Amino acid sequence: MQINMKVEVADVADAARRVFEIAAGKVRDIDRTWDQSRGAPVYTVAGRYTQRGWTEWTEGFQYGCALLAFDGGGDEELLDLGRRQTMERMAPHLSHVGVHDHGFNTMSTYGNLLRLAREGRWRAGEGDVEACRLAIRVSGAVQAARWTALPGGLGYVYSFNGPHSLFIDTIRSMRVLAAAHDLGHVLMGERDRRISLLGRALRHAETTARHNVYFGEGRDAYDVAGRVAHESIFNTNDGSYRCPSTQQGYSPFSTWTRGLAWAVLGYAELVELLAWCDPGEVAELGVPSLESVRTARERLLQVARATADFMIANTASDGIPYWDTGAPGLSLLGDWRGRPAEPDNRAEPVDASAAAIGAQGLLRLGAALAGSDPAGSDGEAARRYAQAGLTAARTLFGAPYLAEDAGHQGLLLHTVYHRPNGWDHVPAGSAVPSGEACMWGDYHLLELAVLVQRLGRGGRLTWLAPRASADDG
């Protein structure tokens, strides 16, 4: 990525307004035309949303888009739409014991609603606010119970593949554990054992850092600092690590860029969480490598910065990555890092959804570093990460990525779901998928736009409100 150090937050925030204007019509169109009996919309084919059965991990993004479009644009009909859809349809996700995506479904809906209530944006009744609190508590505990314990006090929330499987995606689900903990909740185990949700979130983060993230330390022949493995496989008989793997990337030894983006964002958000943690509480958890707020912050920043640096180094000049850094067709594109991404090329698709997720992570990482050493190396790095995020956001908020055509139900174009399985639509005359949207891409573009809008006003956006805000509503 060629970072433009002179991109102004205000200019990008102005561009974000257009995102909200376009999103409003698309949210209404999907609500009006989508048949709920088909499941949740996942991605578009020829401009219309369709479903792809795997797990129902995108329904929260659908309703969350309405809430974020309200947040940025102020249309209260969208707030009412998102609230009603959440309260009527999202309950089954709260007790879903078979998935690792509670942070996506729950925080995109109930989490956004609780945040809007705390900010005074939603004039909610006490019953609605308490419903959101209870939903987050239950969801966080159910997610934390999906646990594989490892030797040495570590462990992880395992993926829908089973107890042997640790996905990089799940790092962003840790925010529902953190939010439930923030609300004073715990997971109750055998013999009434109280299990800290914060403890499980931090143990998961450290386990992921050790096995899914590389640091250039000679772990294997493909150990490049900041590279990310989509999946880690463990022997559940003895807890030993076996190998890297992937479901949606090109290979276990290349980097699927949406997984990389989840890491950048997930670890940056956990750094934010530590600002509200009680130091004594963190110390009592005894999480390896995270024994204090100071050491935890250093470790989480190490992971966030390594993955952010790798993303910046392995992204096209305008901030848009191709779908996998090892995709074989990239060799046909010459210096693809040194020029803007080409979504209409005939070799490999780009993934704008990874850019939207990663850009938010870069902005949050920059903000986390900004106050620690403003005149020194951390301050310089903070500016670099923030400008990288703004560079990508500026690209995403305009053509050819922002879908201005009202006839196209998607908001963010040129996204990819599952390239190895061939699920993505390839337009006639094209060699690779292009021109289509996905529900998580639309949601994260809106989340990015809200964040940029607030930064432009001198504010911030957090999904994990501190316990001091106990008077919700």
Protein backbone atom coordinates (compact mmCIF):
# COMPACT_ATOMS: atom_id res chain seq x y z
CA MET A 1 0.00 0.00 0.00
CA GLN A 2 1.26 3.47 -0.85
CA ILE A 3 0.21 5.35 2.27
CA ASN A 4 -0.85 8.91 1.60
CA MET A 5 0.25 10.72 4.76
CA LYS A 6 -1.75 13.80 3.76
CA VAL A 7 -5.22 12.28 3.56
CA GLU A 8 -7.48 14.43 5.72
CA VAL A 9 -10.01 12.80 8.05
CA ALA A 10 -12.54 15.51 7.21
CA ASP A 11 -12.35 14.77 3.49
CA VAL A 12 -12.90 11.06 3.99
CA ALA A 13 -15.71 11.78 6.46
CA ASP A 14 -17.41 13.90 3.80
CA ALA A 15 -17.21 10.94 1.41
CA ALA A 16 -18.75 8.71 4.08
CA ARG A 17 -21.99 10.69 3.88
CA ARG A 18 -22.60 9.28 0.42
CA VAL A 19 -22.19 5.75 1.81
CA PHE A 20 -25.08 6.32 4.23
CA GLU A 21 -27.28 7.88 1.55
CA ILE A 22 -26.85 4.91 -0.77
CA ALA A 23 -27.15 2.34 2.03
CA ALA A 24 -30.58 3.57 3.13
CA GLY A 25 -32.25 2.56 -0.13
CA LYS A 26 -30.47 -0.77 -0.32
CA VAL A 27 -31.40 -1.73 3.26
CA ARG A 28 -35.06 -1.04 2.47
CA ASP A 29 -34.87 -2.92 -0.83
CA ILE A 30 -33.47 -6.05 0.82
CA ASP A 31 -36.03 -5.90 3.63
CA ARG A 32 -38.86 -5.54 1.11
CA THR A 33 -37.78 -8.32 -1.27
CA TRP A 34 -35.96 -10.91 0.81
CA ASP A 35 -37.79 -14.15 1.66
CA GLN A 36 -36.80 -14.97 5.27
CA SER A 37 -37.71 -18.63 4.77
CA ARG A 38 -34.59 -18.94 2.62
CA GLY A 39 -32.31 -18.08 5.53
CA ALA A 40 -30.07 -15.02 5.66
CA PRO A 41 -28.78 -13.20 2.56
CA VAL A 42 -25.09 -13.89 2.01
CA TYR A 43 -23.82 -12.47 -1.30
CA THR A 44 -25.11 -11.09 -4.57
CA VAL A 45 -25.42 -12.79 -7.94
CA ALA A 46 -25.91 -10.35 -10.79
CA GLY A 47 -26.76 -7.66 -8.26
CA ARG A 48 -29.40 -9.50 -6.21
CA TYR A 49 -28.79 -11.02 -2.82
CA THR A 50 -28.90 -14.80 -2.58
CA GLN A 51 -28.31 -17.41 0.11
CA ARG A 52 -25.51 -19.93 0.54
CA GLY A 53 -25.97 -22.53 3.24
CA TRP A 54 -22.99 -23.01 5.51
CA THR A 55 -23.89 -21.38 8.80
CA GLU A 56 -26.27 -18.47 9.36
CA TRP A 57 -23.48 -16.06 10.22
CA THR A 58 -24.72 -13.09 8.16
CA GLU A 59 -28.21 -12.42 9.56
CA GLY A 60 -26.88 -10.05 12.21
CA PHE A 61 -25.04 -8.09 9.53
CA GLN A 62 -28.30 -7.67 7.60
CA TYR A 63 -30.09 -6.02 10.52
CA GLY A 64 -26.93 -4.31 11.71
CA CYS A 65 -26.71 -2.51 8.36
CA ALA A 66 -30.03 -0.81 9.12
CA LEU A 67 -28.77 0.30 12.54
CA LEU A 68 -25.49 1.65 11.18
CA ALA A 69 -27.22 3.41 8.29
CA PHE A 70 -29.36 5.15 10.91
CA ASP A 71 -26.28 5.90 13.01
CA GLY A 72 -24.56 7.67 10.14
CA GLY A 73 -27.55 9.11 8.30
CA GLY A 74 -30.10 9.80 11.04
CA ASP A 75 -33.12 8.11 9.39
CA GLU A 76 -35.16 6.87 12.37
CA GLU A 77 -37.18 4.51 10.17
CA LEU A 78 -33.97 2.50 9.73
CA LEU A 79 -33.45 2.43 13.50
CA ASP A 80 -36.97 1.08 13.94
CA LEU A 81 -36.41 -1.46 11.18
CA GLY A 82 -33.16 -2.73 12.69
CA ARG A 83 -34.61 -2.82 16.21
CA ARG A 84 -37.73 -4.69 15.12
CA GLN A 85 -35.80 -7.23 13.07
CA THR A 86 -33.38 -7.81 15.93
CA MET A 87 -36.05 -8.35 18.56
CA GLU A 88 -38.20 -10.57 16.33
CA ARG A 89 -35.57 -12.73 14.64
CA MET A 90 -32.22 -12.85 16.39
CA ALA A 91 -33.06 -14.79 19.57
CA PRO A 92 -32.13 -18.23 18.14
CA HIS A 93 -28.58 -17.02 17.58
CA LEU A 94 -28.09 -16.25 21.27
CA SER A 95 -28.16 -19.89 22.35
CA HIS A 96 -26.63 -21.35 19.18
CA VAL A 97 -24.03 -23.78 20.53
CA GLY A 98 -22.70 -24.87 17.13
CA VAL A 99 -20.90 -21.77 15.84
CA HIS A 100 -18.03 -19.40 16.57
CA ASP A 101 -19.75 -16.27 15.21
CA HIS A 102 -21.60 -14.81 18.23
CA GLY A 103 -19.48 -11.67 18.07
CA PHE A 104 -20.75 -11.09 14.53
CA ASN A 105 -24.45 -11.79 14.99
CA THR A 106 -24.96 -10.50 18.53
CA MET A 107 -22.76 -7.41 18.59
CA SER A 108 -23.96 -6.25 15.16
CA THR A 109 -27.55 -6.19 16.44
CA TYR A 110 -28.06 -6.17 20.22
CA GLY A 111 -24.60 -4.65 20.67
CA ASN A 112 -25.32 -1.76 18.33
CA LEU A 113 -28.69 -1.17 19.97
CA LEU A 114 -27.19 -1.06 23.46
CA ARG A 115 -24.47 1.31 22.27
CA LEU A 116 -27.03 3.62 20.64
CA ALA A 117 -29.06 3.63 23.85
CA ARG A 118 -25.99 4.49 25.94
CA GLU A 119 -25.18 7.33 23.57
CA GLY A 120 -28.70 8.71 23.79
CA ARG A 121 -29.33 8.06 20.10
CA TRP A 122 -32.09 5.53 20.76
CA ARG A 123 -34.91 6.52 23.11
CA ALA A 124 -35.31 3.00 24.38
CA GLY A 125 -37.53 1.75 27.13
CA GLU A 126 -36.02 -0.09 30.05
CA GLY A 127 -37.44 -3.36 28.75
CA ASP A 128 -35.69 -3.01 25.40
CA VAL A 129 -32.40 -2.06 27.02
CA GLU A 130 -32.60 -4.96 29.46
CA ALA A 131 -33.33 -7.31 26.54
CA CYS A 132 -30.09 -6.17 24.90
CA ARG A 133 -28.13 -6.59 28.11
CA LEU A 134 -29.50 -10.09 28.63
CA ALA A 135 -28.87 -11.05 25.01
CA ILE A 136 -25.21 -10.05 25.22
CA ARG A 137 -24.74 -11.84 28.55
CA VAL A 138 -26.25 -15.10 27.27
CA SER A 139 -24.48 -14.95 23.92
CA GLY A 140 -21.09 -14.27 25.49
CA ALA A 141 -21.42 -17.20 27.87
CA VAL A 142 -22.68 -19.59 25.18
CA GLN A 143 -19.77 -18.60 22.95
CA ALA A 144 -17.24 -19.04 25.76
CA ALA A 145 -18.58 -22.53 26.51
CA ARG A 146 -17.48 -23.70 23.05
CA TRP A 147 -14.03 -24.29 24.48
CA THR A 148 -11.03 -26.52 23.86
CA ALA A 149 -8.59 -26.41 26.78
CA LEU A 150 -4.86 -26.68 26.06
CA PRO A 151 -1.92 -27.43 28.33
CA GLY A 152 -0.28 -24.51 30.10
CA GLY A 153 -3.46 -22.60 30.85
CA LEU A 154 -4.35 -21.76 27.26
CA GLY A 155 -7.32 -22.70 25.08
CA TYR A 156 -9.64 -21.42 22.38
CA VAL A 157 -13.22 -21.06 21.22
CA TYR A 158 -13.33 -23.67 18.50
CA SER A 159 -14.78 -23.21 15.04
CA PHE A 160 -17.84 -24.87 13.53
CA ASN A 161 -15.43 -27.54 12.18
CA GLY A 162 -15.10 -29.00 15.67
CA PRO A 163 -12.96 -28.98 18.82
CA HIS A 164 -9.72 -29.50 16.87
CA SER A 165 -10.13 -26.27 14.85
CA LEU A 166 -9.08 -22.72 15.74
CA PHE A 167 -10.09 -20.07 13.16
CA ILE A 168 -8.45 -16.65 12.90
CA ASP A 169 -11.95 -15.20 12.26
CA THR A 170 -12.97 -15.93 15.84
CA ILE A 171 -10.68 -13.26 17.28
CA ARG A 172 -13.42 -10.72 16.57
CA SER A 173 -16.01 -12.86 18.34
CA MET A 174 -14.06 -12.19 21.53
CA ARG A 175 -15.79 -8.83 21.78
CA VAL A 176 -19.05 -10.51 22.78
CA LEU A 177 -17.21 -12.26 25.63
CA ALA A 178 -15.69 -8.93 26.64
CA ALA A 179 -19.03 -7.12 26.42
CA ALA A 180 -20.76 -9.81 28.52
CA HIS A 181 -17.96 -9.57 31.07
CA ASP A 182 -18.36 -5.80 31.07
CA LEU A 183 -22.01 -6.35 32.02
CA GLY A 184 -20.86 -8.39 35.03
CA HIS A 185 -21.58 -11.83 33.57
CA VAL A 186 -19.69 -15.11 34.02
CA LEU A 187 -19.93 -18.60 32.56
CA MET A 188 -21.10 -21.13 35.13
CA GLY A 189 -19.43 -24.52 34.86
CA GLU A 190 -19.55 -27.87 36.64
CA ARG A 191 -20.01 -27.71 40.42
CA ASP A 192 -20.97 -24.02 40.06
CA ARG A 193 -17.46 -23.05 38.96
CA ARG A 194 -17.37 -19.40 37.91
CA ILE A 195 -15.42 -19.00 34.66
CA SER A 196 -14.25 -15.52 33.69
CA LEU A 197 -15.38 -14.47 30.23
CA LEU A 198 -12.54 -11.94 30.11
CA GLY A 199 -10.15 -14.76 30.97
CA ARG A 200 -11.41 -16.90 28.10
CA ALA A 201 -11.22 -13.99 25.68
CA LEU A 202 -7.59 -13.29 26.60
CA ARG A 203 -6.62 -16.99 26.59
CA HIS A 204 -8.15 -17.32 23.13
CA ALA A 205 -6.22 -14.24 21.97
CA GLU A 206 -2.90 -15.57 23.22
CA THR A 207 -3.50 -19.05 21.77
CA THR A 208 -4.38 -17.50 18.42
CA ALA A 209 -1.27 -15.33 18.54
CA ARG A 210 0.97 -18.34 19.18
CA HIS A 211 -0.48 -20.59 16.50
CA ASN A 212 -2.29 -18.55 13.81
CA VAL A 213 0.04 -15.56 13.60
CA TYR A 214 3.67 -15.64 12.47
CA PHE A 215 6.47 -13.39 13.74
CA GLY A 216 9.45 -14.23 11.53
CA GLU A 217 11.00 -16.49 14.14
CA GLY A 218 11.76 -19.53 11.96
CA ARG A 219 8.68 -21.52 12.90
CA ASP A 220 8.57 -23.06 9.42
CA ALA A 221 9.86 -22.33 5.92
CA TYR A 222 7.04 -19.83 5.34
CA ASP A 223 7.40 -17.89 8.60
CA VAL A 224 7.11 -14.27 7.51
CA ALA A 225 6.36 -11.71 10.23
CA GLY A 226 2.67 -10.81 10.26
CA ARG A 227 1.51 -13.63 8.04
CA VAL A 228 -1.68 -15.30 9.26
CA ALA A 229 -2.94 -18.88 8.98
CA HIS A 230 -6.70 -19.18 8.58
CA GLU A 231 -6.95 -22.29 10.75
CA SER A 232 -4.83 -24.15 13.29
CA ILE A 233 -5.38 -27.87 13.86
CA PHE A 234 -4.85 -29.51 17.25
CA ASN A 235 -4.80 -33.08 18.54
CA THR A 236 -7.62 -32.97 21.06
CA ASN A 237 -6.33 -36.07 22.84
CA ASP A 238 -3.30 -34.26 24.25
CA GLY A 239 -3.80 -30.64 23.15
CA SER A 240 -0.76 -30.61 20.89
CA TYR A 241 -0.59 -28.33 17.86
CA ARG A 242 -0.43 -30.24 14.60
CA CYS A 243 -0.46 -27.95 11.56
CA PRO A 244 -1.87 -24.87 9.82
CA SER A 245 -4.85 -25.26 7.54
CA THR A 246 -7.36 -23.18 5.61
CA GLN A 247 -10.96 -23.31 4.48
CA GLN A 248 -11.17 -20.22 2.30
CA GLY A 249 -7.57 -19.34 1.52
CA TYR A 250 -5.32 -20.66 -1.24
CA SER A 251 -3.10 -22.77 1.02
CA PRO A 252 -2.13 -23.20 4.68
CA PHE A 253 1.19 -21.50 3.87
CA SER A 254 -0.19 -18.39 2.22
CA THR A 255 -2.34 -15.68 3.77
CA TRP A 256 -6.07 -15.37 3.13
CA THR A 257 -6.46 -11.63 3.35
CA ARG A 258 -9.88 -11.51 5.01
CA GLY A 259 -8.46 -13.65 7.81
CA LEU A 260 -5.55 -11.21 8.03
CA ALA A 261 -8.03 -8.34 8.29
CA TRP A 262 -9.94 -10.09 11.09
CA ALA A 263 -6.66 -10.32 13.00
CA VAL A 264 -5.78 -6.63 12.56
CA LEU A 265 -9.22 -5.52 13.71
CA GLY A 266 -9.73 -8.12 16.44
CA TYR A 267 -6.43 -7.43 18.20
CA ALA A 268 -6.79 -3.65 17.90
CA GLU A 269 -10.20 -3.88 19.59
CA LEU A 270 -8.78 -5.99 22.41
CA VAL A 271 -6.16 -3.31 23.02
CA GLU A 272 -9.04 -0.84 23.46
CA LEU A 273 -10.67 -3.23 25.94
CA LEU A 274 -7.65 -3.16 28.22
CA ALA A 275 -8.16 0.56 28.83
CA TRP A 276 -11.23 -0.36 30.91
CA CYS A 277 -9.91 -3.45 32.64
CA ASP A 278 -9.15 -3.50 36.33
CA PRO A 279 -5.39 -4.26 36.64
CA GLY A 280 -5.99 -6.48 39.66
CA GLU A 281 -8.62 -8.46 37.80
CA VAL A 282 -6.29 -9.09 34.86
CA ALA A 283 -3.50 -10.18 37.20
CA GLU A 284 -5.81 -12.65 38.98
CA LEU A 285 -6.61 -14.37 35.67
CA GLY A 286 -3.00 -15.54 35.26
CA VAL A 287 -3.21 -15.79 31.47
CA PRO A 288 0.22 -16.81 30.08
CA SER A 289 2.03 -13.81 28.50
CA LEU A 290 -0.84 -11.55 29.61
CA GLU A 291 -0.25 -11.48 33.35
CA SER A 292 -0.82 -7.75 33.74
CA VAL A 293 -2.49 -4.93 31.85
CA ARG A 294 0.95 -3.71 30.78
CA THR A 295 2.20 -7.05 29.44
CA ALA A 296 -1.20 -7.79 27.87
CA ARG A 297 -1.18 -4.46 26.06
CA GLU A 298 2.36 -5.01 24.81
CA ARG A 299 1.52 -8.49 23.55
CA LEU A 300 -1.75 -7.52 21.86
CA LEU A 301 -0.06 -4.54 20.23
CA GLN A 302 2.75 -6.79 19.02
CA VAL A 303 0.23 -9.00 17.22
CA ALA A 304 -1.83 -6.09 15.89
CA ARG A 305 1.23 -4.29 14.55
CA ALA A 306 2.77 -7.38 12.96
CA THR A 307 -0.43 -8.21 11.08
CA ALA A 308 -1.05 -4.56 10.16
CA ASP A 309 2.47 -4.21 8.77
CA PHE A 310 2.03 -7.38 6.71
CA MET A 311 -1.30 -6.11 5.37
CA ILE A 312 0.20 -2.77 4.36
CA ALA A 313 3.13 -4.49 2.64
CA ASN A 314 0.95 -6.99 0.76
CA THR A 315 -1.88 -4.77 -0.46
CA ALA A 316 -2.27 -2.86 -3.71
CA SER A 317 -1.26 0.79 -3.63
CA ASP A 318 -4.84 2.06 -3.04
CA GLY A 319 -5.41 -0.14 0.04
CA ILE A 320 -7.40 -2.96 -1.61
CA PRO A 321 -5.97 -6.48 -1.20
CA TYR A 322 -6.29 -9.42 -3.53
CA TRP A 323 -8.06 -12.36 -1.92
CA ASP A 324 -4.90 -14.28 -0.93
CA THR A 325 -1.28 -13.13 -0.85
CA GLY A 326 -0.15 -16.45 -2.34
CA ALA A 327 -2.82 -16.79 -5.03
CA PRO A 328 -1.02 -18.29 -8.04
CA GLY A 329 -2.41 -15.86 -10.61
CA LEU A 330 -0.75 -12.91 -8.89
CA SER A 331 2.46 -13.84 -10.67
CA LEU A 332 0.75 -12.84 -13.92
CA LEU A 333 -0.02 -9.33 -12.68
CA GLY A 334 3.52 -8.03 -12.36
CA ASP A 335 4.00 -5.39 -9.66
CA TRP A 336 0.45 -5.63 -8.29
CA ARG A 337 1.49 -4.04 -5.01
CA GLY A 338 2.80 -0.94 -6.76
CA ARG A 339 -0.42 0.13 -8.49
CA PRO A 340 -4.12 0.35 -7.65
CA ALA A 341 -6.01 -2.94 -7.42
CA GLU A 342 -7.62 -4.12 -10.64
CA PRO A 343 -10.94 -5.81 -9.88
CA ASP A 344 -11.53 -6.55 -13.58
CA ASN A 345 -8.24 -8.40 -14.14
CA ARG A 346 -8.31 -11.95 -15.56
CA ALA A 347 -6.01 -13.63 -13.01
CA GLU A 348 -7.16 -13.26 -9.39
CA PRO A 349 -10.05 -11.45 -7.66
CA VAL A 350 -9.66 -8.63 -5.18
CA ASP A 351 -11.55 -8.70 -1.88
CA ALA A 352 -12.89 -5.30 -0.92
CA SER A 353 -14.52 -6.80 2.19
CA ALA A 354 -11.03 -7.52 3.56
CA ALA A 355 -10.13 -3.89 2.88
CA ALA A 356 -13.17 -2.61 4.81
CA ILE A 357 -12.42 -4.82 7.81
CA GLY A 358 -8.70 -4.11 7.74
CA ALA A 359 -9.09 -0.34 7.32
CA GLN A 360 -11.12 -0.16 10.52
CA GLY A 361 -8.45 -2.18 12.29
CA LEU A 362 -5.72 0.17 11.07
CA LEU A 363 -7.65 3.21 12.30
CA ARG A 364 -8.27 1.63 15.70
CA LEU A 365 -4.63 0.57 15.99
CA GLY A 366 -3.51 4.09 15.14
CA ALA A 367 -5.84 5.51 17.79
CA ALA A 368 -4.59 3.01 20.39
CA LEU A 369 -0.98 4.06 19.81
CA ALA A 370 -1.60 7.78 19.46
CA GLY A 371 -1.59 8.70 23.13
CA SER A 372 1.26 6.51 24.36
CA ASP A 373 4.28 8.22 22.77
CA PRO A 374 3.07 11.11 20.60
CA ALA A 375 6.53 12.52 19.89
CA GLY A 376 8.35 9.21 19.49
CA SER A 377 8.20 5.96 17.58
CA ASP A 378 4.69 5.04 18.74
CA GLY A 379 3.38 8.42 17.63
CA GLU A 380 4.96 7.99 14.21
CA ALA A 381 3.53 4.48 13.91
CA ALA A 382 0.12 5.75 15.02
CA ARG A 383 0.08 8.30 12.22
CA ARG A 384 1.21 5.70 9.71
CA TYR A 385 -1.52 3.20 10.64
CA ALA A 386 -4.20 5.89 10.74
CA GLN A 387 -3.19 7.21 7.32
CA ALA A 388 -3.15 3.67 5.90
CA GLY A 389 -6.70 3.18 7.16
CA LEU A 390 -7.80 6.49 5.67
CA THR A 391 -6.11 5.66 2.37
CA ALA A 392 -8.13 2.45 2.09
CA ALA A 393 -11.35 4.12 3.30
CA ARG A 394 -11.05 6.87 0.69
CA THR A 395 -10.79 4.21 -2.02
CA LEU A 396 -13.72 2.21 -0.70
CA PHE A 397 -16.03 5.22 -0.41
CA GLY A 398 -15.97 5.82 -4.16
CA ALA A 399 -15.97 4.13 -7.57
CA PRO A 400 -15.52 1.35 -8.48
CA TYR A 401 -16.20 -0.08 -5.00
CA LEU A 402 -19.20 1.89 -3.74
CA ALA A 403 -22.30 0.52 -5.53
CA GLU A 404 -24.18 3.65 -6.58
CA ASP A 405 -26.52 1.74 -8.91
CA ALA A 406 -29.88 1.56 -7.11
CA GLY A 407 -30.67 -1.64 -8.99
CA HIS A 408 -27.78 -3.45 -7.31
CA GLN A 409 -28.69 -4.62 -3.80
CA GLY A 410 -25.10 -4.64 -2.61
CA LEU A 411 -23.28 -1.67 -1.12
CA LEU A 412 -19.62 -2.71 -1.42
CA LEU A 413 -18.58 -4.22 -4.76
CA HIS A 414 -15.73 -6.58 -5.69
CA THR A 415 -15.87 -8.85 -2.66
CA VAL A 416 -15.16 -12.58 -2.44
CA TYR A 417 -16.70 -15.27 -0.23
CA HIS A 418 -15.17 -18.68 -1.00
CA ARG A 419 -12.82 -18.72 -3.94
CA PRO A 420 -11.64 -22.35 -3.54
CA ASN A 421 -15.22 -23.66 -3.58
CA GLY A 422 -16.11 -21.50 -6.58
CA TRP A 423 -19.14 -20.00 -4.84
CA ASP A 424 -18.67 -16.44 -6.09
CA HIS A 425 -20.42 -15.20 -9.23
CA VAL A 426 -18.22 -14.74 -12.29
CA PRO A 427 -19.87 -12.30 -14.73
CA ALA A 428 -20.18 -13.22 -18.39
CA GLY A 429 -16.98 -12.42 -20.21
CA SER A 430 -14.90 -12.37 -17.02
CA ALA A 431 -12.38 -14.89 -15.78
CA VAL A 432 -12.68 -14.20 -12.03
CA PRO A 433 -15.43 -13.02 -9.65
CA SER A 434 -16.02 -9.28 -9.67
CA GLY A 435 -18.76 -6.71 -9.33
CA GLU A 436 -20.61 -8.44 -6.50
CA ALA A 437 -21.24 -7.70 -2.83
CA CYS A 438 -21.55 -9.68 0.40
CA MET A 439 -23.42 -8.98 3.61
CA TRP A 440 -20.32 -8.74 5.82
CA GLY A 441 -18.69 -6.41 3.31
CA ASP A 442 -21.70 -4.08 3.31
CA TYR A 443 -21.84 -4.14 7.12
CA HIS A 444 -18.15 -3.43 7.62
CA LEU A 445 -18.17 -0.66 5.03
CA LEU A 446 -20.89 1.02 7.11
CA GLU A 447 -19.02 0.34 10.34
CA LEU A 448 -15.93 1.92 8.77
CA ALA A 449 -17.97 4.90 7.57
CA VAL A 450 -19.43 5.48 11.06
CA LEU A 451 -15.94 5.31 12.57
CA VAL A 452 -14.51 7.78 10.04
CA GLN A 453 -17.49 10.08 10.52
CA ARG A 454 -16.91 10.17 14.28
CA LEU A 455 -13.17 10.65 13.90
CA GLY A 456 -13.97 13.60 11.66
CA ARG A 457 -15.95 15.13 14.52
CA GLY A 458 -13.15 14.55 16.99
CA GLY A 459 -14.92 11.60 18.62
CA ARG A 460 -14.46 7.86 18.72
CA LEU A 461 -16.47 4.71 18.33
CA THR A 462 -16.32 1.78 20.72
CA TRP A 463 -18.32 -1.42 20.77
CA LEU A 464 -17.38 -2.20 24.38
CA ALA A 465 -18.74 0.52 26.65
CA PRO A 466 -17.15 0.72 30.11
CA ARG A 467 -18.98 -0.42 33.20
CA ALA A 468 -19.29 3.19 34.31
CA SER A 469 -22.21 3.42 31.87
CA ALA A 470 -24.36 1.21 34.05
CA ASP A 471 -27.33 3.57 33.70
CA ASP A 472 -28.12 2.44 30.13
CA GLY A 473 -31.17 4.10 28.63
